PDB file of N, CA and C in Angstrom:
ATOM      1  N   MET A   1      10.396  -6.772  -8.611  1.00  0.00           N
ATOM      2  CA  MET A   1       9.387  -6.178  -7.665  1.00  0.00           C
ATOM      3  C   MET A   1      10.204  -6.452  -6.781  1.00  0.00           C
ATOM      4  N   SER A   2      10.134  -4.350  -6.166  1.00  0.00           N
ATOM      5  CA  SER A   2      11.152  -4.206  -4.736  1.00  0.00           C
ATOM      6  C   SER A   2      10.311  -4.597  -3.538  1.00  0.00           C
ATOM      7  N   ILE A   3       9.104  -4.701  -3.437  1.00  0.00           N
ATOM      8  CA  ILE A   3       8.315  -4.415  -2.825  1.00  0.00           C
ATOM      9  C   ILE A   3       7.404  -5.945  -1.854  1.00  0.00           C
ATOM     10  N   LEU A   4       7.761  -7.039  -3.547  1.00  0.00           N
ATOM     11  CA  LEU A   4       8.178  -8.105  -2.733  1.00  0.00           C
ATOM     12  C   LEU A   4       8.430  -8.843  -1.201  1.00  0.00           C
ATOM     13  N   PRO A   5       9.651  -8.044  -0.949  1.00  0.00           N
ATOM     14  CA  PRO A   5      10.141  -9.238   0.098  1.00  0.00           C
ATOM     15  C   PRO A   5       9.512  -7.922   1.214  1.00  0.00           C
ATOM     16  N   VAL A   6       9.452  -6.526   1.216  1.00  0.00           N
ATOM     17  CA  VAL A   6       8.073  -6.036   1.986  1.00  0.00           C
ATOM     18  C   VAL A   6       6.940  -6.990   2.196  1.00  0.00           C
ATOM     19  N   LEU A   7       6.232  -6.689   1.824  1.00  0.00           N
ATOM     20  CA  LEU A   7       5.050  -8.079   1.355  1.00  0.00           C
ATOM     21  C   LEU A   7       5.168  -8.898   2.166  1.00  0.00           C
ATOM     22  N   SER A   8       6.170 -10.078   2.178  1.00  0.00           N
ATOM     23  CA  SER A   8       6.861 -11.069   2.912  1.00  0.00           C
ATOM     24  C   SER A   8       7.314 -10.248   4.161  1.00  0.00           C
ATOM     25  N   ALA A   9       7.325  -9.633   4.578  1.00  0.00           N
ATOM     26  CA  ALA A   9       7.928  -9.300   6.268  1.00  0.00           C
ATOM     27  C   ALA A   9       6.706  -8.843   6.653  1.00  0.00           C
ATOM     28  N   ILE A  10       5.768  -8.132   6.181  1.00  0.00           N
ATOM     29  CA  ILE A  10       4.873  -7.248   6.862  1.00  0.00           C
ATOM     30  C   ILE A  10       3.495  -9.034   6.931  1.00  0.00           C
ATOM     31  N   ALA A  11       3.937 -10.203   6.361  1.00  0.00           N
ATOM     32  CA  ALA A  11       3.477 -10.971   6.053  1.00  0.00           C
ATOM     33  C   ALA A  11       3.297 -11.600   7.733  1.00  0.00           C
ATOM     34  N   ASP A  12       4.664 -12.015   7.043  1.00  0.00           N
ATOM     35  CA  ASP A  12       5.127 -12.925   8.654  1.00  0.00           C
ATOM     36  C   ASP A  12       4.557 -11.680  10.051  1.00  0.00           C
ATOM     37  N   ALA A  13       5.047 -10.707  10.283  1.00  0.00           N
ATOM     38  CA  ALA A  13       5.424  -9.825  11.371  1.00  0.00           C
ATOM     39  C   ALA A  13       3.238  -9.133  11.886  1.00  0.00           C
ATOM     40  N   ALA A  14       2.174  -9.934  10.423  1.00  0.00           N
ATOM     41  CA  ALA A  14       0.897  -9.490  11.034  1.00  0.00           C
ATOM     42  C   ALA A  14       0.502 -10.690  10.637  1.00  0.00           C
ATOM     43  N   PRO A  15       0.527 -11.789  11.144  1.00  0.00           N
ATOM     44  CA  PRO A  15      -0.107 -13.151  10.881  1.00  0.00           C
ATOM     45  C   PRO A  15      -1.987 -13.676  10.180  1.00  0.00           C
ATOM     46  N   ASP A  16      -2.571 -12.406  10.759  1.00  0.00           N
ATOM     47  CA  ASP A  16      -3.783 -12.393  10.767  1.00  0.00           C
ATOM     48  C   ASP A  16      -4.383 -11.059   9.067  1.00  0.00           C
ATOM     49  N   ALA A  17      -3.448 -10.059   9.049  1.00  0.00           N
ATOM     50  CA  ALA A  17      -3.531  -9.012   8.233  1.00  0.00           C
ATOM     51  C   ALA A  17      -3.645  -9.551   7.309  1.00  0.00           C
ATOM     52  N   THR A  18      -4.940  -8.673   6.138  1.00  0.00           N
ATOM     53  CA  THR A  18      -4.747  -8.443   4.782  1.00  0.00           C
ATOM     54  C   THR A  18      -4.266  -7.233   4.455  1.00  0.00           C
ATOM     55  N   ILE A  19      -3.265  -7.052   3.661  1.00  0.00           N
ATOM     56  CA  ILE A  19      -2.299  -6.434   2.653  1.00  0.00           C
ATOM     57  C   ILE A  19      -3.197  -5.573   1.750  1.00  0.00           C
ATOM     58  N   LEU A  20      -3.410  -4.472   1.355  1.00  0.00           N
ATOM     59  CA  LEU A  20      -3.588  -3.870   0.598  1.00  0.00           C
ATOM     60  C   LEU A  20      -3.075  -2.578  -0.102  1.00  0.00           C
ATOM     61  N   LEU A  21      -2.573  -3.832  -0.975  1.00  0.00           N
ATOM     62  CA  LEU A  21      -1.595  -2.981  -2.081  1.00  0.00           C
ATOM     63  C   LEU A  21      -1.506  -2.192  -3.666  1.00  0.00           C
ATOM     64  N   THR A  22      -1.738  -1.230  -3.445  1.00  0.00           N
ATOM     65  CA  THR A  22      -2.170  -0.116  -5.352  1.00  0.00           C
ATOM     66  C   THR A  22      -0.554   0.001  -6.100  1.00  0.00           C
ATOM     67  N   THR A  23      -0.579  -0.292  -7.448  1.00  0.00           N
ATOM     68  CA  THR A  23       0.141   0.245  -8.340  1.00  0.00           C
ATOM     69  C   THR A  23      -0.799   1.003  -8.729  1.00  0.00           C
ATOM     70  N   GLY A  24       0.064   1.455  -9.954  1.00  0.00           N
ATOM     71  CA  GLY A  24      -0.434   3.578 -10.359  1.00  0.00           C
ATOM     72  C   GLY A  24      -0.004   2.583 -11.983  1.00  0.00           C
ATOM     73  N   THR A  25       0.391   1.763 -12.320  1.00  0.00           N
ATOM     74  CA  THR A  25      -0.124   0.896 -14.108  1.00  0.00           C
ATOM     75  C   THR A  25       0.168  -0.553 -13.244  1.00  0.00           C
ATOM     76  N   VAL A  26      -0.635  -0.966 -14.936  1.00  0.00           N
ATOM     77  CA  VAL A  26      -1.009  -2.240 -15.297  1.00  0.00           C
ATOM     78  C   VAL A  26      -0.056  -3.303 -15.094  1.00  0.00           C
ATOM     79  N   THR A  27       1.042  -2.560 -15.761  1.00  0.00           N
ATOM     80  CA  THR A  27       2.446  -3.526 -16.214  1.00  0.00           C
ATOM     81  C   THR A  27       2.540  -3.433 -14.227  1.00  0.00           C
ATOM     82  N   SER A  28       2.495  -3.368 -13.326  1.00  0.00           N
ATOM     83  CA  SER A  28       2.624  -3.832 -12.340  1.00  0.00           C
ATOM     84  C   SER A  28       1.918  -4.916 -11.704  1.00  0.00           C
ATOM     85  N   ALA A  29       0.738  -4.790 -11.476  1.00  0.00           N
ATOM     86  CA  ALA A  29      -0.232  -4.960 -11.129  1.00  0.00           C
ATOM     87  C   ALA A  29      -0.598  -6.857 -12.269  1.00  0.00           C
ATOM     88  N   ARG A  30       0.092  -7.112 -13.384  1.00  0.00           N
ATOM     89  CA  ARG A  30       0.988  -7.939 -13.875  1.00  0.00           C
ATOM     90  C   ARG A  30       1.448  -8.695 -13.419  1.00  0.00           C
ATOM     91  N   LEU A  31       3.088  -7.784 -12.981  1.00  0.00           N
ATOM     92  CA  LEU A  31       4.602  -8.679 -12.627  1.00  0.00           C
ATOM     93  C   LEU A  31       4.063  -9.012 -11.279  1.00  0.00           C
ATOM     94  N   LEU A  32       3.043  -8.087 -10.487  1.00  0.00           N
ATOM     95  CA  LEU A  32       2.491  -8.716  -9.144  1.00  0.00           C
ATOM     96  C   LEU A  32       1.902  -9.770  -8.953  1.00  0.00           C
ATOM     97  N   ASP A  33       0.419 -10.167 -10.380  1.00  0.00           N
ATOM     98  CA  ASP A  33       0.378 -12.013 -10.115  1.00  0.00           C
ATOM     99  C   ASP A  33       1.604 -13.207 -10.565  1.00  0.00           C
ATOM    100  N   GLN A  34       2.554 -12.010 -11.661  1.00  0.00           N
ATOM    101  CA  GLN A  34       3.072 -13.232 -12.024  1.00  0.00           C
ATOM    102  C   GLN A  34       4.394 -13.316 -10.599  1.00  0.00           C
ATOM    103  N   TYR A  35       4.618 -12.666 -10.078  1.00  0.00           N
ATOM    104  CA  TYR A  35       5.401 -13.257  -9.006  1.00  0.00           C
ATOM    105  C   TYR A  35       5.269 -13.349  -7.274  1.00  0.00           C
ATOM    106  N   LEU A  36       3.896 -13.206  -7.520  1.00  0.00           N
ATOM    107  CA  LEU A  36       4.102 -13.309  -6.046  1.00  0.00           C
ATOM    108  C   LEU A  36       3.792 -14.408  -5.950  1.00  0.00           C
ATOM    109  N   LYS A  37       3.801 -14.909  -4.168  1.00  0.00           N
ATOM    110  CA  LYS A  37       3.741 -16.303  -3.869  1.00  0.00           C
ATOM    111  C   LYS A  37       2.611 -16.537  -4.065  1.00  0.00           C
ATOM    112  N   PRO A  38       2.144 -17.695  -3.998  1.00  0.00           N
ATOM    113  CA  PRO A  38       0.439 -18.342  -3.786  1.00  0.00           C
ATOM    114  C   PRO A  38       0.176 -17.999  -2.438  1.00  0.00           C
ATOM    115  N   GLU A  39       0.577 -18.308  -1.544  1.00  0.00           N
ATOM    116  CA  GLU A  39       0.478 -18.340   0.029  1.00  0.00           C
ATOM    117  C   GLU A  39       0.355 -17.363   0.344  1.00  0.00           C
ATOM    118  N   LEU A  40       0.599 -16.202  -0.617  1.00  0.00           N
ATOM    119  CA  LEU A  40       0.939 -14.471   0.169  1.00  0.00           C
ATOM    120  C   LEU A  40       0.047 -13.639  -1.118  1.00  0.00           C
ATOM    121  N   ALA A  41      -0.574 -14.659  -1.704  1.00  0.00           N
ATOM    122  CA  ALA A  41      -1.304 -13.913  -2.923  1.00  0.00           C
ATOM    123  C   ALA A  41      -2.572 -14.070  -2.262  1.00  0.00           C
ATOM    124  N   ARG A  42      -2.886 -14.851  -0.989  1.00  0.00           N
ATOM    125  CA  ARG A  42      -4.034 -15.083  -1.001  1.00  0.00           C
ATOM    126  C   ARG A  42      -4.815 -13.574   0.183  1.00  0.00           C
ATOM    127  N   ARG A  43      -3.435 -13.202   0.622  1.00  0.00           N
ATOM    128  CA  ARG A  43      -3.336 -11.945   1.705  1.00  0.00           C
ATOM    129  C   ARG A  43      -3.006 -11.037   1.311  1.00  0.00           C
ATOM    130  N   VAL A  44      -2.970 -11.038  -0.375  1.00  0.00           N
ATOM    131  CA  VAL A  44      -3.026  -9.553  -0.477  1.00  0.00           C
ATOM    132  C   VAL A  44      -3.723  -8.944  -2.059  1.00  0.00           C
ATOM    133  N   LEU A  45      -4.602  -8.180  -1.311  1.00  0.00           N
ATOM    134  CA  LEU A  45      -6.020  -7.456  -2.113  1.00  0.00           C
ATOM    135  C   LEU A  45      -5.492  -5.927  -3.026  1.00  0.00           C
ATOM    136  N   HIS A  46      -5.105  -6.036  -4.293  1.00  0.00           N
ATOM    137  CA  HIS A  46      -4.987  -5.248  -5.081  1.00  0.00           C
ATOM    138  C   HIS A  46      -5.648  -4.376  -6.079  1.00  0.00           C
ATOM    139  N   ARG A  47      -5.033  -3.097  -5.548  1.00  0.00           N
ATOM    140  CA  ARG A  47      -5.994  -2.202  -6.140  1.00  0.00           C
ATOM    141  C   ARG A  47      -5.414  -0.419  -6.257  1.00  0.00           C
ATOM    142  N   PHE A  48      -6.294  -0.384  -7.779  1.00  0.00           N
ATOM    143  CA  PHE A  48      -5.111   0.439  -8.156  1.00  0.00           C
ATOM    144  C   PHE A  48      -4.937   1.729  -7.802  1.00  0.00           C
ATOM    145  N   VAL A  49      -3.957   2.403  -7.840  1.00  0.00           N
ATOM    146  CA  VAL A  49      -3.699   3.646  -6.618  1.00  0.00           C
ATOM    147  C   VAL A  49      -4.812   4.663  -7.518  1.00  0.00           C
ATOM    148  N   PRO A  50      -6.006   5.762  -6.406  1.00  0.00           N
ATOM    149  CA  PRO A  50      -6.376   7.105  -7.022  1.00  0.00           C
ATOM    150  C   PRO A  50      -5.245   8.156  -7.203  1.00  0.00           C
ATOM    151  N   LEU A  51      -6.108   8.601  -8.524  1.00  0.00           N
ATOM    152  CA  LEU A  51      -5.374  10.052  -8.702  1.00  0.00           C
ATOM    153  C   LEU A  51      -4.949  10.474  -7.574  1.00  0.00           C
ATOM    154  N   ASP A  52      -4.146  11.630  -7.725  1.00  0.00           N
ATOM    155  CA  ASP A  52      -4.092  12.917  -7.183  1.00  0.00           C
ATOM    156  C   ASP A  52      -5.058  13.961  -6.391  1.00  0.00           C
ATOM    157  N   VAL A  53      -6.298  13.123  -6.900  1.00  0.00           N
ATOM    158  CA  VAL A  53      -6.813  14.402  -5.785  1.00  0.00           C
ATOM    159  C   VAL A  53      -7.625  14.400  -4.716  1.00  0.00           C
ATOM    160  N   PRO A  54      -7.489  15.264  -3.319  1.00  0.00           N
ATOM    161  CA  PRO A  54      -7.930  15.183  -2.459  1.00  0.00           C
ATOM    162  C   PRO A  54      -9.507  15.088  -1.813  1.00  0.00           C
ATOM    163  N   ALA A  55     -10.500  14.492  -2.572  1.00  0.00           N
ATOM    164  CA  ALA A  55     -11.633  14.000  -2.905  1.00  0.00           C
ATOM    165  C   ALA A  55     -11.419  12.853  -3.372  1.00  0.00           C
ATOM    166  N   TRP A  56     -11.000  12.038  -3.617  1.00  0.00           N
ATOM    167  CA  TRP A  56     -10.617  10.647  -4.286  1.00  0.00           C
ATOM    168  C   TRP A  56      -9.613   9.405  -3.673  1.00  0.00           C
ATOM    169  N   ALA A  57      -8.164  10.855  -2.388  1.00  0.00           N
ATOM    170  CA  ALA A  57      -7.539  10.198  -2.106  1.00  0.00           C
ATOM    171  C   ALA A  57      -8.539   9.771  -0.751  1.00  0.00           C
ATOM    172  N   ALA A  58      -9.502  10.662  -0.208  1.00  0.00           N
ATOM    173  CA  ALA A  58     -10.085  10.211   1.138  1.00  0.00           C
ATOM    174  C   ALA A  58     -11.525   9.942   0.555  1.00  0.00           C
ATOM    175  N   ARG A  59     -11.808   9.715  -0.495  1.00  0.00           N
ATOM    176  CA  ARG A  59     -12.917   8.321  -0.687  1.00  0.00           C
ATOM    177  C   ARG A  59     -12.113   6.845  -0.732  1.00  0.00           C
ATOM    178  N   PHE A  60     -10.598   7.665  -1.108  1.00  0.00           N
ATOM    179  CA  PHE A  60     -10.302   5.572  -1.193  1.00  0.00           C
ATOM    180  C   PHE A  60     -10.071   5.348  -0.207  1.00  0.00           C
ATOM    181  N   LEU A  61      -9.539   6.030   0.924  1.00  0.00           N
ATOM    182  CA  LEU A  61      -9.211   5.847   2.814  1.00  0.00           C
ATOM    183  C   LEU A  61     -10.475   5.279   2.880  1.00  0.00           C
ATOM    184  N   ASP A  62     -11.498   6.436   3.020  1.00  0.00           N
ATOM    185  CA  ASP A  62     -12.497   6.203   3.905  1.00  0.00           C
ATOM    186  C   ASP A  62     -13.082   4.724   3.628  1.00  0.00           C
ATOM    187  N   HIS A  63     -13.013   4.223   2.587  1.00  0.00           N
ATOM    188  CA  HIS A  63     -13.702   2.696   1.829  1.00  0.00           C
ATOM    189  C   HIS A  63     -12.931   1.653   2.529  1.00  0.00           C
ATOM    190  N   TRP A  64     -11.316   1.690   1.769  1.00  0.00           N
ATOM    191  CA  TRP A  64     -10.474   0.974   2.547  1.00  0.00           C
ATOM    192  C   TRP A  64     -10.239   0.989   4.077  1.00  0.00           C
ATOM    193  N   ARG A  65     -10.184   1.348   4.548  1.00  0.00           N
ATOM    194  CA  ARG A  65      -9.672   2.101   6.270  1.00  0.00           C
ATOM    195  C   ARG A  65      -8.914   0.780   6.421  1.00  0.00           C
ATOM    196  N   PRO A  66      -7.833   1.478   5.769  1.00  0.00           N
ATOM    197  CA  PRO A  66      -6.232   0.494   6.347  1.00  0.00           C
ATOM    198  C   PRO A  66      -5.696   0.841   7.842  1.00  0.00           C
ATOM    199  N   ASP A  67      -5.417   0.035   7.309  1.00  0.00           N
ATOM    200  CA  ASP A  67      -4.966   0.971   9.565  1.00  0.00           C
ATOM    201  C   ASP A  67      -3.374   1.303   9.225  1.00  0.00           C
ATOM    202  N   ALA A  68      -2.509   0.844   8.702  1.00  0.00           N
ATOM    203  CA  ALA A  68      -1.447   1.541   8.272  1.00  0.00           C
ATOM    204  C   ALA A  68      -0.890   1.890   6.459  1.00  0.00           C
ATOM    205  N   ALA A  69      -0.091   2.916   6.330  1.00  0.00           N
ATOM    206  CA  ALA A  69       0.042   2.532   4.927  1.00  0.00           C
ATOM    207  C   ALA A  69       1.860   3.163   5.090  1.00  0.00           C
ATOM    208  N   GLY A  70       2.528   2.315   3.225  1.00  0.00           N
ATOM    209  CA  GLY A  70       3.331   2.510   3.523  1.00  0.00           C
ATOM    210  C   GLY A  70       3.472   2.839   1.823  1.00  0.00           C
ATOM    211  N   PHE A  71       4.362   3.507   1.501  1.00  0.00           N
ATOM    212  CA  PHE A  71       4.614   3.680   0.202  1.00  0.00           C
ATOM    213  C   PHE A  71       6.792   3.598  -0.114  1.00  0.00           C
ATOM    214  N   VAL A  72       6.367   2.891  -1.561  1.00  0.00           N
ATOM    215  CA  VAL A  72       7.486   2.549  -1.716  1.00  0.00           C
ATOM    216  C   VAL A  72       7.843   3.422  -3.333  1.00  0.00           C
ATOM    217  N   GLU A  73       8.733   2.934  -3.531  1.00  0.00           N
ATOM    218  CA  GLU A  73       9.526   3.686  -4.930  1.00  0.00           C
ATOM    219  C   GLU A  73       8.387   5.340  -5.473  1.00  0.00           C
ATOM    220  N   SER A  74       7.923   4.870  -6.709  1.00  0.00           N
ATOM    221  CA  SER A  74       7.132   7.023  -7.009  1.00  0.00           C
ATOM    222  C   SER A  74       6.168   6.936  -6.652  1.00  0.00           C
ATOM    223  N   GLU A  75       4.986   5.708  -5.365  1.00  0.00           N
ATOM    224  CA  GLU A  75       4.022   5.542  -4.870  1.00  0.00           C
ATOM    225  C   GLU A  75       3.820   6.598  -4.091  1.00  0.00           C
ATOM    226  N   LEU A  76       4.554   7.754  -3.508  1.00  0.00           N
ATOM    227  CA  LEU A  76       4.378   9.672  -3.541  1.00  0.00           C
ATOM    228  C   LEU A  76       2.951  10.208  -3.851  1.00  0.00           C
ATOM    229  N   TRP A  77       2.581   9.914  -3.821  1.00  0.00           N
ATOM    230  CA  TRP A  77       1.715  10.965  -3.916  1.00  0.00           C
ATOM    231  C   TRP A  77       0.968  12.231  -2.983  1.00  0.00           C
ATOM    232  N   PRO A  78       1.316  13.558  -2.474  1.00  0.00           N
ATOM    233  CA  PRO A  78       1.133  14.138  -1.341  1.00  0.00           C
ATOM    234  C   PRO A  78      -0.237  14.659  -1.232  1.00  0.00           C
ATOM    235  N   ASN A  79      -1.200  14.317  -1.858  1.00  0.00           N
ATOM    236  CA  ASN A  79      -2.572  14.409  -1.607  1.00  0.00           C
ATOM    237  C   ASN A  79      -2.961  13.394  -0.509  1.00  0.00           C
ATOM    238  N   LEU A  80      -2.751  12.136  -1.396  1.00  0.00           N
ATOM    239  CA  LEU A  80      -2.454  10.503  -0.654  1.00  0.00           C
ATOM    240  C   LEU A  80      -1.960  10.713   0.968  1.00  0.00           C
ATOM    241  N   LEU A  81      -0.964  11.042   0.638  1.00  0.00           N
ATOM    242  CA  LEU A  81       0.467  11.159   1.863  1.00  0.00           C
ATOM    243  C   LEU A  81      -0.706  12.249   2.898  1.00  0.00           C
ATOM    244  N   ALA A  82      -1.289  13.570   2.348  1.00  0.00           N
ATOM    245  CA  ALA A  82      -1.514  14.274   3.176  1.00  0.00           C
ATOM    246  C   ALA A  82      -3.044  13.238   3.441  1.00  0.00           C
ATOM    247  N   ALA A  83      -3.940  12.506   3.303  1.00  0.00           N
ATOM    248  CA  ALA A  83      -5.476  11.657   3.341  1.00  0.00           C
ATOM    249  C   ALA A  83      -4.724  10.834   3.927  1.00  0.00           C
ATOM    250  N   CYS A  84      -3.675  10.409   3.966  1.00  0.00           N
ATOM    251  CA  CYS A  84      -3.515   9.419   5.686  1.00  0.00           C
ATOM    252  C   CYS A  84      -3.251  10.540   6.802  1.00  0.00           C
ATOM    253  N   ARG A  85      -1.997  10.600   6.503  1.00  0.00           N
ATOM    254  CA  ARG A  85      -1.749  11.657   7.897  1.00  0.00           C
ATOM    255  C   ARG A  85      -2.501  12.482   8.305  1.00  0.00           C
ATOM    256  N   ALA A  86      -4.211  12.889   7.720  1.00  0.00           N
ATOM    257  CA  ALA A  86      -5.636  13.117   8.344  1.00  0.00           C
ATOM    258  C   ALA A  86      -5.585  12.491   9.597  1.00  0.00           C
ATOM    259  N   ARG A  87      -5.758  11.082   8.861  1.00  0.00           N
ATOM    260  CA  ARG A  87      -6.624   9.888   9.433  1.00  0.00           C
ATOM    261  C   ARG A  87      -5.528   8.714  10.319  1.00  0.00           C
ATOM    262  N   GLY A  88      -4.495  10.004  11.260  1.00  0.00           N
ATOM    263  CA  GLY A  88      -3.160   9.488  11.807  1.00  0.00           C
ATOM    264  C   GLY A  88      -2.714   7.863  11.796  1.00  0.00           C
ATOM    265  N   HIS A  89      -2.764   8.016  10.216  1.00  0.00           N
ATOM    266  CA  HIS A  89      -1.836   6.509   9.735  1.00  0.00           C
ATOM    267  C   HIS A  89      -0.185   7.145   9.677  1.00  0.00           C
ATOM    268  N   PRO A  90       0.476   5.852  10.138  1.00  0.00           N
ATOM    269  CA  PRO A  90       1.766   5.709  10.250  1.00  0.00           C
ATOM    270  C   PRO A  90       1.872   6.653   9.044  1.00  0.00           C
ATOM    271  N   GLY A  91       3.253   7.163   8.209  1.00  0.00           N
ATOM    272  CA  GLY A  91       3.871   7.437   7.538  1.00  0.00           C
ATOM    273  C   GLY A  91       4.789   8.610   7.594  1.00  0.00           C
ATOM    274  N   ASP A  92       4.901   8.914   9.201  1.00  0.00           N
ATOM    275  CA  ASP A  92       5.022  10.296   9.135  1.00  0.00           C
ATOM    276  C   ASP A  92       7.068  10.455   8.231  1.00  0.00           C
ATOM    277  N   ALA A  93       8.026  11.684   7.768  1.00  0.00           N
ATOM    278  CA  ALA A  93       9.282  10.999   7.412  1.00  0.00           C
ATOM    279  C   ALA A  93      10.113  10.571   8.137  1.00  0.00           C
ATOM    280  N   ASP A  94       9.489  10.430   9.803  1.00  0.00           N
ATOM    281  CA  ASP A  94      10.232  10.344  10.502  1.00  0.00           C
ATOM    282  C   ASP A  94      10.546   9.325  11.449  1.00  0.00           C
ATOM    283  N   GLN A  95       9.715   8.532  10.492  1.00  0.00           N
ATOM    284  CA  GLN A  95       9.370   6.943  10.189  1.00  0.00           C
ATOM    285  C   GLN A  95       9.536   6.519   9.935  1.00  0.00           C
ATOM    286  N   TRP A  96      10.214   6.849   8.426  1.00  0.00           N
ATOM    287  CA  TRP A  96      10.370   5.615   7.511  1.00  0.00           C
ATOM    288  C   TRP A  96      11.235   5.532   7.728  1.00  0.00           C
ATOM    289  N   SER A  97      12.796   5.861   7.949  1.00  0.00           N
ATOM    290  CA  SER A  97      13.927   5.135   8.259  1.00  0.00           C
ATOM    291  C   SER A  97      13.864   3.718   9.277  1.00  0.00           C
ATOM    292  N   HIS A  98      12.371   3.458  10.145  1.00  0.00           N
ATOM    293  CA  HIS A  98      12.386   2.230  10.541  1.00  0.00           C
ATOM    294  C   HIS A  98      11.579   1.166   9.627  1.00  0.00           C
ATOM    295  N   VAL A  99      11.071   1.990   8.600  1.00  0.00           N
ATOM    296  CA  VAL A  99      10.747   0.721   7.721  1.00  0.00           C
ATOM    297  C   VAL A  99      11.712  -0.108   6.688  1.00  0.00           C
TER     298      VAL A  99
END
């Protein structure tokens, strides 16, 4: 799981933050449970990503209210990205090189 070092870096940079992590498959969720270290697992909240329907993406973000959004691998959903941008979350293409 390529996200594990990123989760550790976020946790180190923001020690009081809870990290909301979405995946699209049951397999990814199981791998996360298997490989996430216990001290980090307490700070990572897993949810399945909503299907890329504008209203569902908006409802998901309205409910969870993340302070920032990051996308890895195949988690690039156009409507979810648009909903993040509409809320002013970091994540524009020009910022991705800094992640």
